[in-house]
């Protein structure tokens, strides 16, 4: 079991370099604040959409809302930034992230969760604007704002996590979970057709051609794997480019009277000696 956890990126102790709660550019307090704001915006967007549908007599959409992959990934973003903010706040406050004291299964889930956060939003954005969106632009301001939030800002947030944190390239085993989750969603999409009477996405409708459906069912997971690979390379390049740069950390220091107090500062972490 320990080998399985290791392949998931769960070390003992877990994340000793605090890669999930630090940034090579931002201090932990600012990183926690930004993640908190991202989460707040996402949840406000979700609740506003629900309220908008209800106020316009379209409550049926609320029951179908969670059938859309876009919406599921957006909820995932909201909760990811909520929990990552909590972990970052705890790291800033005590020098140890709450995540580091969690059971190993939850640590593994967080590691995989992070991988989905830096993979699925890009997939959603590409599929929506490249396949699903049809001009002209949305005539209703609320629709435009909702779609930009879910299909553009989502990728901006994912890019923030890719470029500005200290996370390592994702373990190859995570790619398997990316595919499994997509397969599970495919089952949900056809379950929605059976229970609600509509296809969540038109390209899943066999009446458009079985080959057409098969192409999408294969193409989208392949695209997800390609995105995974690109993100892996970017993470590797980012770590290589920032290895000799200042890493912001939070430490506990001993006061002159022997008690332990909090200090905050910049610690230059030389991951590799300058040559």
Protein backbone atom coordinates (compact mmCIF):
# COMPACT_ATOMS: atom_id res chain seq x y z
CA UNK A 1 0.00 0.00 0.00
CA UNK A 2 2.89 2.35 0.76
CA UNK A 3 4.17 1.92 -2.81
CA UNK A 4 0.74 2.85 -4.15
CA UNK A 5 0.68 6.01 -2.04
CA UNK A 6 4.19 6.86 -3.21
CA UNK A 7 3.06 6.59 -6.83
CA UNK A 8 0.24 8.97 -6.00
CA UNK A 9 2.75 11.49 -4.71
CA UNK A 10 1.95 10.92 -1.04
CA UNK A 11 5.24 10.88 0.84
CA UNK A 12 5.99 10.28 4.52
CA UNK A 13 5.95 12.89 5.92
CA UNK A 14 3.50 14.39 3.48
CA UNK A 15 4.68 17.37 1.43
CA UNK A 16 7.70 18.25 3.61
CA UNK A 17 8.57 21.21 1.35
CA UNK A 18 5.04 22.65 1.65
CA UNK A 19 4.61 22.73 -2.12
CA UNK A 20 0.80 22.81 -1.90
CA UNK A 21 0.74 25.84 0.38
CA UNK A 22 3.59 28.02 -0.86
CA UNK A 23 4.46 30.06 -3.90
CA UNK A 24 7.83 30.98 -5.35
CA UNK A 25 6.47 34.52 -5.85
CA UNK A 26 3.72 35.20 -3.29
CA UNK A 27 3.91 35.13 0.52
CA UNK A 28 1.63 32.52 2.16
CA UNK A 29 -0.74 35.17 3.51
CA UNK A 30 -1.30 36.66 0.06
CA UNK A 31 -1.61 33.20 -1.51
CA UNK A 32 -4.23 32.25 1.09
CA UNK A 33 -6.12 35.48 0.45
CA UNK A 34 -6.14 34.99 -3.33
CA UNK A 35 -7.33 31.41 -3.03
CA UNK A 36 -10.05 32.55 -0.63
CA UNK A 37 -11.22 35.19 -3.09
CA UNK A 38 -11.28 32.66 -5.94
CA UNK A 39 -13.42 30.34 -3.84
CA UNK A 40 -15.75 33.15 -2.79
CA UNK A 41 -16.21 34.26 -6.40
CA UNK A 42 -16.92 30.71 -7.56
CA UNK A 43 -19.51 30.05 -4.86
CA UNK A 44 -21.14 33.44 -5.45
CA UNK A 45 -21.33 32.61 -9.16
CA UNK A 46 -22.97 29.25 -8.46
CA UNK A 47 -25.57 30.66 -6.07
CA UNK A 48 -26.27 33.63 -8.36
CA UNK A 49 -26.92 31.29 -11.29
CA UNK A 50 -29.33 29.24 -9.19
CA UNK A 51 -31.10 32.39 -8.02
CA UNK A 52 -31.27 33.76 -11.55
CA UNK A 53 -32.91 30.60 -12.88
CA UNK A 54 -35.42 30.55 -10.03
CA UNK A 55 -36.34 34.21 -10.47
CA UNK A 56 -36.96 33.64 -14.18
CA UNK A 57 -39.18 30.59 -13.73
CA UNK A 58 -36.57 28.08 -14.87
CA UNK A 59 -36.15 26.07 -11.66
CA UNK A 60 -36.03 22.86 -13.72
CA UNK A 61 -32.52 23.89 -14.81
CA UNK A 62 -31.36 23.71 -11.22
CA UNK A 63 -32.17 20.00 -11.08
CA UNK A 64 -30.32 19.39 -14.33
CA UNK A 65 -27.45 21.72 -13.56
CA UNK A 66 -25.22 19.06 -12.05
CA UNK A 67 -25.50 16.90 -15.15
CA UNK A 68 -23.09 19.21 -16.99
CA UNK A 69 -19.39 18.47 -16.81
CA UNK A 70 -18.67 22.19 -16.92
CA UNK A 71 -20.72 22.78 -13.79
CA UNK A 72 -19.25 19.81 -11.94
CA UNK A 73 -15.71 21.01 -12.62
CA UNK A 74 -16.66 24.54 -11.57
CA UNK A 75 -18.02 23.26 -8.26
CA UNK A 76 -14.76 21.33 -7.95
CA UNK A 77 -12.82 24.57 -8.40
CA UNK A 78 -14.92 26.30 -5.74
CA UNK A 79 -14.26 23.56 -3.19
CA UNK A 80 -10.61 23.16 -4.15
CA UNK A 81 -9.88 26.82 -3.55
CA UNK A 82 -11.86 26.70 -0.31
CA UNK A 83 -9.80 23.83 1.10
CA UNK A 84 -6.50 25.01 -0.36
CA UNK A 85 -7.14 28.41 1.22
CA UNK A 86 -7.77 26.75 4.59
CA UNK A 87 -4.55 24.75 4.28
CA UNK A 88 -2.60 27.84 3.26
CA UNK A 89 -4.07 29.91 6.09
CA UNK A 90 -3.09 27.19 8.58
CA UNK A 91 0.42 27.04 7.12
CA UNK A 92 0.78 30.83 7.39
CA UNK A 93 -0.53 30.79 10.96
CA UNK A 94 1.39 27.83 12.40
CA UNK A 95 4.08 26.84 9.91
CA UNK A 96 2.32 23.54 9.26
CA UNK A 97 -0.56 22.99 6.85
CA UNK A 98 -3.67 21.29 8.17
CA UNK A 99 -3.34 18.95 5.19
CA UNK A 100 -0.14 17.50 6.63
CA UNK A 101 -2.00 16.05 9.63
CA UNK A 102 -4.77 14.46 7.57
CA UNK A 103 -5.02 10.67 7.07
CA UNK A 104 -3.07 9.40 4.08
CA UNK A 105 -6.19 8.57 2.02
CA UNK A 106 -7.30 12.21 2.28
CA UNK A 107 -3.82 13.41 1.39
CA UNK A 108 -3.91 11.18 -1.68
CA UNK A 109 -7.33 12.54 -2.63
CA UNK A 110 -6.04 16.10 -2.31
CA UNK A 111 -3.08 15.29 -4.54
CA UNK A 112 -5.39 13.85 -7.21
CA UNK A 113 -7.84 16.72 -6.66
CA UNK A 114 -5.07 19.20 -7.47
CA UNK A 115 -4.30 17.31 -10.68
CA UNK A 116 -7.93 17.54 -11.81
CA UNK A 117 -7.90 21.26 -11.03
CA UNK A 118 -4.96 21.88 -13.36
CA UNK A 119 -6.31 19.61 -16.11
CA UNK A 120 -10.10 19.69 -16.45
CA UNK A 121 -10.60 23.50 -16.61
CA UNK A 122 -8.41 23.69 -19.72
CA UNK A 123 -10.35 20.80 -21.25
CA UNK A 124 -13.66 22.52 -20.49
CA UNK A 125 -12.49 25.78 -22.03
CA UNK A 126 -11.18 24.13 -25.20
CA UNK A 127 -14.27 21.98 -25.77
CA UNK A 128 -16.71 24.80 -25.06
CA UNK A 129 -15.18 27.51 -27.21
CA UNK A 130 -13.91 25.11 -29.87
CA UNK A 131 -16.95 22.82 -30.20
CA UNK A 132 -20.04 23.94 -28.31
CA UNK A 133 -20.10 27.73 -28.59
CA UNK A 134 -22.01 29.11 -31.53
CA UNK A 135 -22.02 32.81 -32.43
CA UNK A 136 -23.42 35.40 -31.95
CA UNK A 137 -22.42 36.54 -28.49
CA UNK A 138 -24.90 36.14 -25.65
CA UNK A 139 -27.63 38.82 -25.79
CA UNK A 140 -28.33 38.56 -22.05
CA UNK A 141 -25.61 39.99 -19.81
CA UNK A 142 -26.17 37.35 -17.12
CA UNK A 143 -25.63 34.54 -19.65
CA UNK A 144 -22.44 36.15 -20.91
CA UNK A 145 -21.08 36.60 -17.38
CA UNK A 146 -22.01 33.03 -16.41
CA UNK A 147 -20.32 31.49 -19.43
CA UNK A 148 -17.19 33.62 -19.16
CA UNK A 149 -16.92 32.66 -15.48
CA UNK A 150 -17.30 28.94 -16.16
CA UNK A 151 -15.47 28.69 -19.48
CA UNK A 152 -12.69 31.30 -19.31
CA UNK A 153 -12.01 32.42 -15.74
CA UNK A 154 -11.85 28.75 -14.75
CA UNK A 155 -8.75 28.25 -16.90
CA UNK A 156 -7.21 31.48 -15.62
CA UNK A 157 -7.48 30.08 -12.09
CA UNK A 158 -5.97 26.77 -13.17
CA UNK A 159 -3.12 28.65 -14.85
CA UNK A 160 -2.54 30.55 -11.61
CA UNK A 161 -2.08 27.24 -9.77
CA UNK A 162 0.24 25.94 -12.47
CA UNK A 163 2.48 28.99 -12.72
CA UNK A 164 2.61 30.52 -9.25
CA UNK A 165 2.62 27.66 -6.74
CA UNK A 166 5.47 25.29 -5.90
CA UNK A 167 3.78 21.98 -6.72
CA UNK A 168 5.77 19.25 -8.42
CA UNK A 169 5.00 17.66 -11.81
CA UNK A 170 2.02 15.41 -11.33
CA UNK A 171 2.60 11.66 -10.85
CA UNK A 172 1.85 9.66 -14.04
CA UNK A 173 -0.62 7.49 -12.13
CA UNK A 174 -2.89 10.52 -11.78
CA UNK A 175 -3.58 10.31 -15.50
CA UNK A 176 -5.46 7.07 -14.84
CA UNK A 177 -7.77 8.91 -12.43
CA UNK A 178 -8.32 11.64 -15.01
CA UNK A 179 -9.56 9.01 -17.47
CA UNK A 180 -11.62 7.10 -14.89
CA UNK A 181 -13.45 10.26 -13.83
CA UNK A 182 -14.22 11.09 -17.47
CA UNK A 183 -15.58 7.56 -17.96
CA UNK A 184 -17.77 7.94 -14.88
CA UNK A 185 -19.08 11.23 -16.21
CA UNK A 186 -19.96 9.56 -19.51
CA UNK A 187 -22.16 7.16 -17.55
CA UNK A 188 -23.78 10.12 -15.78
CA UNK A 189 -24.47 11.81 -19.10
CA UNK A 190 -26.38 8.81 -20.44
CA UNK A 191 -28.11 8.34 -17.08
CA UNK A 192 -29.34 11.92 -17.46
CA UNK A 193 -30.72 11.03 -20.88
CA UNK A 194 -32.58 8.06 -19.38
CA UNK A 195 -34.00 9.99 -16.43
CA UNK A 196 -34.37 13.56 -17.73
CA UNK A 197 -34.91 12.88 -21.43
CA UNK A 198 -32.16 15.02 -22.95
CA UNK A 199 -28.52 14.75 -23.98
CA UNK A 200 -26.30 16.97 -21.89
CA UNK A 201 -24.04 17.51 -24.89
CA UNK A 202 -25.22 17.11 -28.46
CA UNK A 203 -22.11 15.20 -29.53
CA UNK A 204 -23.23 12.31 -27.27
CA UNK A 205 -26.41 11.80 -29.29
CA UNK A 206 -26.08 8.57 -31.37
CA UNK A 207 -28.57 9.96 -33.90
CA UNK A 208 -25.80 12.24 -35.14
CA UNK A 209 -23.81 9.14 -36.04
CA UNK A 210 -22.26 6.41 -33.93
CA UNK A 211 -18.80 7.09 -35.33
CA UNK A 212 -19.25 10.72 -34.37
CA UNK A 213 -20.03 9.77 -30.77
CA UNK A 214 -17.16 7.28 -30.58
CA UNK A 215 -14.75 9.89 -31.92
CA UNK A 216 -15.69 12.30 -29.14
CA UNK A 217 -15.67 9.60 -26.46
CA UNK A 218 -12.10 8.73 -27.45
CA UNK A 219 -10.92 12.18 -28.44
CA UNK A 220 -11.83 13.98 -25.22
CA UNK A 221 -9.91 11.57 -22.91
CA UNK A 222 -6.96 11.76 -25.31
CA UNK A 223 -7.14 15.56 -25.17
CA UNK A 224 -7.21 15.37 -21.36
CA UNK A 225 -4.06 13.23 -21.40
CA UNK A 226 -2.35 15.71 -23.74
CA UNK A 227 -3.29 18.56 -21.39
CA UNK A 228 -1.95 16.51 -18.47
CA UNK A 229 1.35 16.12 -20.33
CA UNK A 230 1.58 19.81 -21.18
CA UNK A 231 0.87 20.79 -17.57
CA UNK A 232 3.50 18.28 -16.40
CA UNK A 233 6.10 19.94 -18.64
CA UNK A 234 5.10 23.45 -17.51
CA UNK A 235 5.37 22.44 -13.85
CA UNK A 236 8.78 20.91 -14.49
CA UNK A 237 9.99 24.00 -16.36
CA UNK A 238 8.58 26.31 -13.68
CA UNK A 239 10.41 24.46 -10.91
CA UNK A 240 13.60 24.45 -12.94
CA UNK A 241 13.33 28.18 -13.71
CA UNK A 242 12.55 29.15 -10.10
CA UNK A 243 14.85 26.73 -8.27
CA UNK A 244 17.23 29.52 -7.21
CA UNK A 245 14.59 32.13 -6.57
CA UNK A 246 13.17 33.23 -3.23
CA UNK A 247 10.58 30.90 -1.79
CA UNK A 248 8.26 32.46 0.73
CA UNK A 249 7.81 30.40 3.87
CA UNK A 250 6.52 30.76 7.38
CA UNK A 251 8.59 29.56 10.29
CA UNK A 252 8.30 29.20 14.04
CA UNK A 253 11.24 30.65 15.90
CA UNK A 254 12.42 30.56 19.48
CA UNK A 255 12.11 33.80 21.39
CA UNK A 256 14.86 35.01 23.74
CA UNK A 257 12.83 33.86 26.74
CA UNK A 258 12.74 30.32 25.37
CA UNK A 259 9.12 30.38 24.24
CA UNK A 260 8.10 29.68 20.68
CA UNK A 261 6.72 32.56 18.69
CA UNK A 262 5.75 33.22 15.11
CA UNK A 263 8.00 34.94 12.65
CA UNK A 264 7.35 35.56 9.03
CA UNK A 265 9.91 36.25 6.42
CA UNK A 266 11.59 35.26 3.22
CA UNK A 267 13.73 32.18 3.21
CA UNK A 268 15.90 31.70 0.18
CA UNK A 269 15.72 28.02 -0.57
CA UNK A 270 18.61 26.97 -2.78
CA UNK A 271 17.34 23.71 -4.19
CA UNK A 272 20.48 23.37 -6.20
CA UNK A 273 23.83 25.01 -5.70
CA UNK A 274 24.65 27.78 -8.17
CA UNK A 275 27.35 26.65 -10.52
